[in-house]
Every structure is written in C-alpha cells, then in structure tokens.
C-alpha cells in the first residue's frame, strides 16, 4: 500500500493550529507576559513628562518581548522536549524546520499582541500617541527586538537540556534585564553600567524601539543599535541551532 506524504503546507497548517490551541490553553501565562510591561508602563506615568512617552513605551515593550522570548518560548520548548513531543514529531512525516517555524510564528503573534497592548494602555491611560508612520516603524522594530529575545531563548534552551535549569536560567536573565536595564537606562547605576546597558541586547532593542517611535529623530546611534540587534540575533540563533538537541538524552 502506497504511503501518502502530506503536503508541507498542510503539515505547517496543522502544526500552527495545534500550537495556537496550546497557547490559548496556556492563556494565564500569556496574560502574565502582558501584565508585566503594562504594569511598568502604568507605574512610569509620572516619568513621562521628564523622559517622554517613547522612553516609557519602548522600555515596556522591550520588557514584554524578553518575557515572551525567554520565559515563554524557551520554557515551552524545554518542556516539550523533555516530554518527548519533538521526538514523536520527528518520526512523523514532518520537516524539522516546520516544527520550529510553527513555534516561531506563534511567538510572532505574541510580539504583535504585546506591542499592541502597550500602545493601547499608553494611549488610554498615559495619553501617549504616535504618528501613523511611527506605529508602523515601531511594529517593525518590535519584530527585530522579538527576534533578539527569541534567539537568546533558543541559545539558552540549546545550551541547557534540563527544563528546570532552563526555567531558572531564563528567569535570572530576565530579572537582570529588568533591574539592570531599567535602572541603567535611568543612569542610576553609574556611567559605566549605563553604557554597558545601552549596547546590551536589552539596550539595543530599547534604542531601536524608541527611535522607531520618533522617526524624525532616527540617528546614527539608532542605526548602529539596529545592526547590533541583528548581529545579536545571528550569533544567538547560530549557537542555539548548533547546540539544540531534539531530546534530553
């Protein structure tokens, strides 16, 4: 009896439907990912007259992106790998790239959701509005920023096999980004830390997001930050793919 191999488009569609269903069932985790940047944006309302709306919006979106990439994507991949889900998928007529592409497309939807949620709260609660071109450019830079966070999460889950260790590592890195990133941006930890934060993955993402919100102020510093963000993505993704194992053995 002849074996019928399904089309790649059908396989990818099925994987996407399954991954979005799983994401919906884990909507509490999704809500937690959305709540953190929103809380920070609301709590920083008093800083907006001093630092400006783009400062508050860009920091909030950056925190949300890294929450999704680190604690969302990497922990989900680590858990599914530990349960043997990837091993079962790989013995099926499913291309390996389609398995990961489906996961990444779900995360792309999360990036857009986080960015939109911050925009809505920023407008309704803080009174921050941007020009139409600024909104478009910010969505573009948010996708790049999301790629940085996802590739960093991929590197961690590729380097570490144990799901509990992945969970603790991503939480530690995320906490460091929040504390050092936010206070470093406010120049509360000294000039050296401020400069280090500016060119860290957190800082470069925050810079291009803030510049995207004010296109007329896009300068060479923002362009260099964009190149740095792309370089971070390439390095993290390369290492993450090289180290990644489909099982924990």
C-alpha atoms as a PDB file:
ATOM      1  CA  UNK A   1       0.000   0.000   0.000  1.00  0.00           C
ATOM      2  CA  UNK A   2       1.452   3.323  -1.063  1.00  0.00           C
ATOM      3  CA  UNK A   3       2.252   5.790   1.714  1.00  0.00           C
ATOM      4  CA  UNK A   4       0.819   9.261   1.138  1.00  0.00           C
ATOM      5  CA  UNK A   5       3.068  12.047   2.415  1.00  0.00           C
ATOM      6  CA  UNK A   6       1.069  15.180   3.257  1.00  0.00           C
ATOM      7  CA  UNK A   7       1.994  18.486   1.692  1.00  0.00           C
ATOM      8  CA  UNK A   8       4.263  20.755   3.695  1.00  0.00           C
ATOM      9  CA  UNK A   9       1.603  23.470   3.685  1.00  0.00           C
ATOM     10  CA  UNK A  10      -0.921  21.067   5.238  1.00  0.00           C
ATOM     11  CA  UNK A  11       1.601  19.942   7.845  1.00  0.00           C
ATOM     12  CA  UNK A  12       2.516  23.518   8.755  1.00  0.00           C
ATOM     13  CA  UNK A  13      -1.155  24.481   8.975  1.00  0.00           C
ATOM     14  CA  UNK A  14      -1.824  21.561  11.320  1.00  0.00           C
ATOM     15  CA  UNK A  15       1.165  22.433  13.499  1.00  0.00           C
ATOM     16  CA  UNK A  16       0.091  26.061  13.676  1.00  0.00           C
ATOM     17  CA  UNK A  17      -3.424  25.104  14.712  1.00  0.00           C
ATOM     18  CA  UNK A  18      -2.045  22.823  17.431  1.00  0.00           C
ATOM     19  CA  UNK A  19       0.462  25.414  18.699  1.00  0.00           C
ATOM     20  CA  UNK A  20      -2.111  28.218  18.794  1.00  0.00           C
ATOM     21  CA  UNK A  21      -4.504  25.902  20.628  1.00  0.00           C
ATOM     22  CA  UNK A  22      -1.799  25.145  23.181  1.00  0.00           C
ATOM     23  CA  UNK A  23      -1.094  28.853  23.546  1.00  0.00           C
ATOM     24  CA  UNK A  24      -4.788  29.514  24.153  1.00  0.00           C
ATOM     25  CA  UNK A  25      -4.940  26.824  26.809  1.00  0.00           C
ATOM     26  CA  UNK A  26      -1.962  28.483  28.484  1.00  0.00           C
ATOM     27  CA  UNK A  27      -3.639  31.886  28.355  1.00  0.00           C
ATOM     28  CA  UNK A  28      -2.829  32.533  32.010  1.00  0.00           C
ATOM     29  CA  UNK A  29       0.862  32.533  31.104  1.00  0.00           C
ATOM     30  CA  UNK A  30       0.068  34.816  28.169  1.00  0.00           C
ATOM     31  CA  UNK A  31      -1.738  37.218  30.482  1.00  0.00           C
ATOM     32  CA  UNK A  32       1.236  37.271  32.843  1.00  0.00           C
ATOM     33  CA  UNK A  33       3.501  38.100  29.910  1.00  0.00           C
ATOM     34  CA  UNK A  34       1.222  41.028  29.046  1.00  0.00           C
ATOM     35  CA  UNK A  35       0.699  42.229  32.607  1.00  0.00           C
ATOM     36  CA  UNK A  36       4.356  42.946  33.447  1.00  0.00           C
ATOM     37  CA  UNK A  37       5.024  45.542  30.685  1.00  0.00           C
ATOM     38  CA  UNK A  38       1.600  47.091  31.255  1.00  0.00           C
ATOM     39  CA  UNK A  39       2.233  47.475  34.993  1.00  0.00           C
ATOM     40  CA  UNK A  40       5.595  49.091  34.313  1.00  0.00           C
ATOM     41  CA  UNK A  41       4.045  51.462  31.793  1.00  0.00           C
ATOM     42  CA  UNK A  42       1.301  52.467  34.231  1.00  0.00           C
ATOM     43  CA  UNK A  43       3.737  52.915  37.118  1.00  0.00           C
ATOM     44  CA  UNK A  44       6.015  55.127  34.990  1.00  0.00           C
ATOM     45  CA  UNK A  45       3.294  57.643  34.194  1.00  0.00           C
ATOM     46  CA  UNK A  46       4.976  60.236  36.415  1.00  0.00           C
ATOM     47  CA  UNK A  47       8.236  59.909  34.435  1.00  0.00           C
ATOM     48  CA  UNK A  48       6.645  60.643  31.070  1.00  0.00           C
ATOM     49  CA  UNK A  49       6.781  64.469  31.396  1.00  0.00           C
ATOM     50  CA  UNK A  50      10.529  64.198  32.121  1.00  0.00           C
ATOM     51  CA  UNK A  51      11.694  61.387  29.847  1.00  0.00           C
ATOM     52  CA  UNK A  52       8.937  61.386  27.210  1.00  0.00           C
ATOM     53  CA  UNK A  53       6.363  58.893  26.010  1.00  0.00           C
ATOM     54  CA  UNK A  54       8.715  56.902  23.731  1.00  0.00           C
ATOM     55  CA  UNK A  55      11.004  56.221  26.699  1.00  0.00           C
ATOM     56  CA  UNK A  56       8.192  54.627  28.706  1.00  0.00           C
ATOM     57  CA  UNK A  57       6.677  52.773  25.756  1.00  0.00           C
ATOM     58  CA  UNK A  58       9.996  51.400  24.463  1.00  0.00           C
ATOM     59  CA  UNK A  59      11.085  50.122  27.880  1.00  0.00           C
ATOM     60  CA  UNK A  60       7.715  48.460  28.460  1.00  0.00           C
ATOM     61  CA  UNK A  61       7.666  46.759  25.060  1.00  0.00           C
ATOM     62  CA  UNK A  62      11.288  45.628  25.478  1.00  0.00           C
ATOM     63  CA  UNK A  63      10.466  44.002  28.809  1.00  0.00           C
ATOM     64  CA  UNK A  64       7.446  42.289  27.259  1.00  0.00           C
ATOM     65  CA  UNK A  65       9.458  40.990  24.307  1.00  0.00           C
ATOM     66  CA  UNK A  66      12.109  39.438  26.509  1.00  0.00           C
ATOM     67  CA  UNK A  67       9.433  37.930  28.750  1.00  0.00           C
ATOM     68  CA  UNK A  68       7.915  36.230  25.707  1.00  0.00           C
ATOM     69  CA  UNK A  69      11.231  35.082  24.234  1.00  0.00           C
ATOM     70  CA  UNK A  70      12.873  33.940  27.451  1.00  0.00           C
ATOM     71  CA  UNK A  71      10.173  32.702  29.800  1.00  0.00           C
ATOM     72  CA  UNK A  72       7.622  31.911  27.107  1.00  0.00           C
ATOM     73  CA  UNK A  73       9.366  30.361  24.124  1.00  0.00           C
ATOM     74  CA  UNK A  74      12.413  28.747  25.755  1.00  0.00           C
ATOM     75  CA  UNK A  75      10.499  27.191  28.644  1.00  0.00           C
ATOM     76  CA  UNK A  76       7.830  25.806  26.305  1.00  0.00           C
ATOM     77  CA  UNK A  77      10.462  24.264  24.030  1.00  0.00           C
ATOM     78  CA  UNK A  78      12.352  22.810  27.019  1.00  0.00           C
ATOM     79  CA  UNK A  79       9.176  21.311  28.476  1.00  0.00           C
ATOM     80  CA  UNK A  80       8.013  19.804  25.171  1.00  0.00           C
ATOM     81  CA  UNK A  81      11.475  18.380  24.516  1.00  0.00           C
ATOM     82  CA  UNK A  82      11.533  16.780  27.969  1.00  0.00           C
ATOM     83  CA  UNK A  83       8.101  15.222  27.339  1.00  0.00           C
ATOM     84  CA  UNK A  84       9.335  13.710  24.058  1.00  0.00           C
ATOM     85  CA  UNK A  85       6.968  15.742  21.888  1.00  0.00           C
ATOM     86  CA  UNK A  86       9.701  16.743  19.461  1.00  0.00           C
ATOM     87  CA  UNK A  87      10.889  13.138  19.154  1.00  0.00           C
ATOM     88  CA  UNK A  88       7.383  11.981  18.239  1.00  0.00           C
ATOM     89  CA  UNK A  89       7.010  14.784  15.702  1.00  0.00           C
ATOM     90  CA  UNK A  90      10.335  13.983  14.078  1.00  0.00           C
ATOM     91  CA  UNK A  91       9.387  10.370  13.352  1.00  0.00           C
ATOM     92  CA  UNK A  92       6.264  11.660  11.600  1.00  0.00           C
ATOM     93  CA  UNK A  93       6.457  12.966   8.011  1.00  0.00           C
ATOM     94  CA  UNK A  94       7.100  16.483   9.288  1.00  0.00           C
ATOM     95  CA  UNK A  95      10.095  18.614   8.223  1.00  0.00           C
ATOM     96  CA  UNK A  96      12.199  19.724  11.205  1.00  0.00           C
ATOM     97  CA  UNK A  97      12.082  23.334  10.051  1.00  0.00           C
ATOM     98  CA  UNK A  98       8.267  23.268  10.027  1.00  0.00           C
ATOM     99  CA  UNK A  99       8.193  22.250  13.707  1.00  0.00           C
ATOM    100  CA  UNK A 100      10.226  25.261  14.773  1.00  0.00           C
ATOM    101  CA  UNK A 101       8.661  27.596  12.196  1.00  0.00           C
ATOM    102  CA  UNK A 102       5.247  26.936  13.727  1.00  0.00           C
ATOM    103  CA  UNK A 103       6.556  27.800  17.203  1.00  0.00           C
ATOM    104  CA  UNK A 104       8.185  30.986  15.921  1.00  0.00           C
ATOM    105  CA  UNK A 105       5.014  32.119  14.133  1.00  0.00           C
ATOM    106  CA  UNK A 106       3.084  31.764  17.395  1.00  0.00           C
ATOM    107  CA  UNK A 107       5.725  33.918  19.079  1.00  0.00           C
ATOM    108  CA  UNK A 108       5.428  36.466  16.266  1.00  0.00           C
ATOM    109  CA  UNK A 109       1.735  36.756  17.125  1.00  0.00           C
ATOM    110  CA  UNK A 110       2.747  37.292  20.771  1.00  0.00           C
ATOM    111  CA  UNK A 111       5.144  40.073  19.749  1.00  0.00           C
ATOM    112  CA  UNK A 112       2.362  41.879  17.902  1.00  0.00           C
ATOM    113  CA  UNK A 113      -0.025  41.320  20.827  1.00  0.00           C
ATOM    114  CA  UNK A 114       2.416  42.721  23.396  1.00  0.00           C
ATOM    115  CA  UNK A 115       3.198  45.763  21.267  1.00  0.00           C
ATOM    116  CA  UNK A 116      -0.479  46.467  20.616  1.00  0.00           C
ATOM    117  CA  UNK A 117      -1.389  46.087  24.289  1.00  0.00           C
ATOM    118  CA  UNK A 118       1.298  48.588  25.323  1.00  0.00           C
ATOM    119  CA  UNK A 119       0.126  51.033  22.644  1.00  0.00           C
ATOM    120  CA  UNK A 120      -3.477  50.798  23.828  1.00  0.00           C
ATOM    121  CA  UNK A 121      -2.634  51.323  27.504  1.00  0.00           C
ATOM    122  CA  UNK A 122      -0.175  54.069  26.593  1.00  0.00           C
ATOM    123  CA  UNK A 123      -2.874  55.940  24.707  1.00  0.00           C
ATOM    124  CA  UNK A 124      -5.820  55.357  27.033  1.00  0.00           C
ATOM    125  CA  UNK A 125      -4.055  55.732  30.396  1.00  0.00           C
ATOM    126  CA  UNK A 126      -0.938  57.798  29.734  1.00  0.00           C
ATOM    127  CA  UNK A 127      -2.187  59.825  26.783  1.00  0.00           C
ATOM    128  CA  UNK A 128       0.754  58.826  24.559  1.00  0.00           C
ATOM    129  CA  UNK A 129       0.026  58.971  20.838  1.00  0.00           C
ATOM    130  CA  UNK A 130       2.321  58.444  17.884  1.00  0.00           C
ATOM    131  CA  UNK A 131       2.121  59.261  14.200  1.00  0.00           C
ATOM    132  CA  UNK A 132       0.887  56.521  11.826  1.00  0.00           C
ATOM    133  CA  UNK A 133       4.378  56.037  10.369  1.00  0.00           C
ATOM    134  CA  UNK A 134       5.770  55.777  13.913  1.00  0.00           C
ATOM    135  CA  UNK A 135       3.338  52.986  14.765  1.00  0.00           C
ATOM    136  CA  UNK A 136       4.322  51.078  11.623  1.00  0.00           C
ATOM    137  CA  UNK A 137       8.036  51.546  12.234  1.00  0.00           C
ATOM    138  CA  UNK A 138       7.667  50.501  15.865  1.00  0.00           C
ATOM    139  CA  UNK A 139       5.963  47.260  14.857  1.00  0.00           C
ATOM    140  CA  UNK A 140       8.886  46.621  12.507  1.00  0.00           C
ATOM    141  CA  UNK A 141      11.483  47.283  15.220  1.00  0.00           C
ATOM    142  CA  UNK A 142       9.435  45.199  17.675  1.00  0.00           C
ATOM    143  CA  UNK A 143       9.740  42.218  15.327  1.00  0.00           C
ATOM    144  CA  UNK A 144      13.511  42.701  15.240  1.00  0.00           C
ATOM    145  CA  UNK A 145      13.565  43.054  19.014  1.00  0.00           C
ATOM    146  CA  UNK A 146      11.464  39.920  19.304  1.00  0.00           C
ATOM    147  CA  UNK A 147      13.973  38.100  17.108  1.00  0.00           C
ATOM    148  CA  UNK A 148      16.744  39.079  19.551  1.00  0.00           C
ATOM    149  CA  UNK A 149      14.795  37.731  22.539  1.00  0.00           C
ATOM    150  CA  UNK A 150      13.727  34.550  20.743  1.00  0.00           C
ATOM    151  CA  UNK A 151      17.253  33.796  19.542  1.00  0.00           C
ATOM    152  CA  UNK A 152      18.559  34.356  23.078  1.00  0.00           C
ATOM    153  CA  UNK A 153      15.919  31.961  24.372  1.00  0.00           C
ATOM    154  CA  UNK A 154      16.894  29.470  21.653  1.00  0.00           C
ATOM    155  CA  UNK A 155      20.551  29.701  22.701  1.00  0.00           C
ATOM    156  CA  UNK A 156      19.664  29.006  26.347  1.00  0.00           C
ATOM    157  CA  UNK A 157      17.412  26.040  25.559  1.00  0.00           C
ATOM    158  CA  UNK A 158      20.044  24.734  23.157  1.00  0.00           C
ATOM    159  CA  UNK A 159      22.819  25.024  25.706  1.00  0.00           C
ATOM    160  CA  UNK A 160      20.850  23.632  28.682  1.00  0.00           C
ATOM    161  CA  UNK A 161      18.867  20.400  28.449  1.00  0.00           C
ATOM    162  CA  UNK A 162      17.200  20.202  31.856  1.00  0.00           C
ATOM    163  CA  UNK A 163      13.845  22.068  31.726  1.00  0.00           C
ATOM    164  CA  UNK A 164      14.053  23.173  35.364  1.00  0.00           C
ATOM    165  CA  UNK A 165      17.502  24.641  34.785  1.00  0.00           C
ATOM    166  CA  UNK A 166      16.238  26.370  31.646  1.00  0.00           C
ATOM    167  CA  UNK A 167      13.396  27.856  33.679  1.00  0.00           C
ATOM    168  CA  UNK A 168      15.661  29.162  36.444  1.00  0.00           C
ATOM    169  CA  UNK A 169      18.243  30.492  33.965  1.00  0.00           C
ATOM    170  CA  UNK A 170      15.715  32.376  31.873  1.00  0.00           C
ATOM    171  CA  UNK A 171      14.133  33.877  34.984  1.00  0.00           C
ATOM    172  CA  UNK A 172      17.543  35.024  36.222  1.00  0.00           C
ATOM    173  CA  UNK A 173      18.453  36.579  32.855  1.00  0.00           C
ATOM    174  CA  UNK A 174      15.039  38.223  32.598  1.00  0.00           C
ATOM    175  CA  UNK A 175      15.272  39.625  36.123  1.00  0.00           C
ATOM    176  CA  UNK A 176      18.725  41.004  35.332  1.00  0.00           C
ATOM    177  CA  UNK A 177      17.378  42.695  32.220  1.00  0.00           C
ATOM    178  CA  UNK A 178      14.532  44.294  34.170  1.00  0.00           C
ATOM    179  CA  UNK A 179      16.586  45.537  37.112  1.00  0.00           C
ATOM    180  CA  UNK A 180      19.865  46.448  35.443  1.00  0.00           C
ATOM    181  CA  UNK A 181      18.202  47.522  32.200  1.00  0.00           C
ATOM    182  CA  UNK A 182      15.642  49.875  33.708  1.00  0.00           C
ATOM    183  CA  UNK A 183      17.866  51.420  36.371  1.00  0.00           C
ATOM    184  CA  UNK A 184      20.808  51.545  33.988  1.00  0.00           C
ATOM    185  CA  UNK A 185      18.697  53.429  31.453  1.00  0.00           C
ATOM    186  CA  UNK A 186      17.802  55.909  34.196  1.00  0.00           C
ATOM    187  CA  UNK A 187      21.567  56.292  34.860  1.00  0.00           C
ATOM    188  CA  UNK A 188      21.106  55.223  38.482  1.00  0.00           C
ATOM    189  CA  UNK A 189      23.932  52.651  38.447  1.00  0.00           C
ATOM    190  CA  UNK A 190      26.780  54.797  37.149  1.00  0.00           C
ATOM    191  CA  UNK A 191      28.051  55.828  33.744  1.00  0.00           C
ATOM    192  CA  UNK A 192      29.885  52.546  33.051  1.00  0.00           C
ATOM    193  CA  UNK A 193      26.764  50.443  33.656  1.00  0.00           C
ATOM    194  CA  UNK A 194      24.669  52.900  31.636  1.00  0.00           C
ATOM    195  CA  UNK A 195      26.984  52.498  28.627  1.00  0.00           C
ATOM    196  CA  UNK A 196      27.065  48.708  29.020  1.00  0.00           C
ATOM    197  CA  UNK A 197      23.274  48.534  29.183  1.00  0.00           C
ATOM    198  CA  UNK A 198      22.954  50.736  26.109  1.00  0.00           C
ATOM    199  CA  UNK A 199      24.766  48.171  23.948  1.00  0.00           C
ATOM    200  CA  UNK A 200      23.400  45.058  25.625  1.00  0.00           C
ATOM    201  CA  UNK A 201      20.618  43.057  23.926  1.00  0.00           C
ATOM    202  CA  UNK A 202      18.143  44.914  26.155  1.00  0.00           C
ATOM    203  CA  UNK A 203      19.614  48.319  25.348  1.00  0.00           C
ATOM    204  CA  UNK A 204      19.832  47.875  21.586  1.00  0.00           C
ATOM    205  CA  UNK A 205      16.215  46.677  21.394  1.00  0.00           C
ATOM    206  CA  UNK A 206      15.054  49.568  23.563  1.00  0.00           C
ATOM    207  CA  UNK A 207      17.015  52.047  21.425  1.00  0.00           C
ATOM    208  CA  UNK A 208      15.553  50.968  18.084  1.00  0.00           C
ATOM    209  CA  UNK A 209      12.039  50.862  19.547  1.00  0.00           C
ATOM    210  CA  UNK A 210      12.353  54.408  20.919  1.00  0.00           C
ATOM    211  CA  UNK A 211      13.840  55.626  17.630  1.00  0.00           C
ATOM    212  CA  UNK A 212      11.029  53.967  15.689  1.00  0.00           C
ATOM    213  CA  UNK A 213       8.509  55.923  17.728  1.00  0.00           C
ATOM    214  CA  UNK A 214      10.163  59.177  16.668  1.00  0.00           C
ATOM    215  CA  UNK A 215      11.320  58.593  13.080  1.00  0.00           C
ATOM    216  CA  UNK A 216      12.434  62.194  12.708  1.00  0.00           C
ATOM    217  CA  UNK A 217      14.989  61.601  15.471  1.00  0.00           C
ATOM    218  CA  UNK A 218      16.439  58.406  13.998  1.00  0.00           C
ATOM    219  CA  UNK A 219      20.204  58.940  14.004  1.00  0.00           C
ATOM    220  CA  UNK A 220      23.463  57.049  13.554  1.00  0.00           C
ATOM    221  CA  UNK A 221      23.264  55.736  17.110  1.00  0.00           C
ATOM    222  CA  UNK A 222      19.908  54.096  16.318  1.00  0.00           C
ATOM    223  CA  UNK A 223      21.306  52.646  13.083  1.00  0.00           C
ATOM    224  CA  UNK A 224      24.266  51.132  14.946  1.00  0.00           C
ATOM    225  CA  UNK A 225      21.862  49.730  17.567  1.00  0.00           C
ATOM    226  CA  UNK A 226      19.820  48.162  14.743  1.00  0.00           C
ATOM    227  CA  UNK A 227      22.944  46.496  13.330  1.00  0.00           C
ATOM    228  CA  UNK A 228      23.917  45.326  16.819  1.00  0.00           C
ATOM    229  CA  UNK A 229      20.454  43.836  17.355  1.00  0.00           C
ATOM    230  CA  UNK A 230      20.700  41.955  14.054  1.00  0.00           C
ATOM    231  CA  UNK A 231      24.195  40.748  14.990  1.00  0.00           C
ATOM    232  CA  UNK A 232      22.953  39.553  18.379  1.00  0.00           C
ATOM    233  CA  UNK A 233      20.172  37.634  16.630  1.00  0.00           C
ATOM    234  CA  UNK A 234      22.570  35.960  14.209  1.00  0.00           C
ATOM    235  CA  UNK A 235      25.045  34.951  16.929  1.00  0.00           C
ATOM    236  CA  UNK A 236      22.401  33.712  19.388  1.00  0.00           C
ATOM    237  CA  UNK A 237      20.436  31.854  16.707  1.00  0.00           C
ATOM    238  CA  UNK A 238      23.563  30.215  15.249  1.00  0.00           C
ATOM    239  CA  UNK A 239      24.663  28.952  18.652  1.00  0.00           C
ATOM    240  CA  UNK A 240      21.126  27.964  19.594  1.00  0.00           C
ATOM    241  CA  UNK A 241      20.656  25.895  16.452  1.00  0.00           C
ATOM    242  CA  UNK A 242      24.136  24.359  16.745  1.00  0.00           C
ATOM    243  CA  UNK A 243      23.656  23.298  20.376  1.00  0.00           C
ATOM    244  CA  UNK A 244      19.999  22.286  20.187  1.00  0.00           C
ATOM    245  CA  UNK A 245      19.095  18.623  20.701  1.00  0.00           C
ATOM    246  CA  UNK A 246      15.671  17.223  19.929  1.00  0.00           C
ATOM    247  CA  UNK A 247      15.754  15.062  23.075  1.00  0.00           C
ATOM    248  CA  UNK A 248      17.337  15.248  26.531  1.00  0.00           C
ATOM    249  CA  UNK A 249      19.499  12.150  26.116  1.00  0.00           C
END
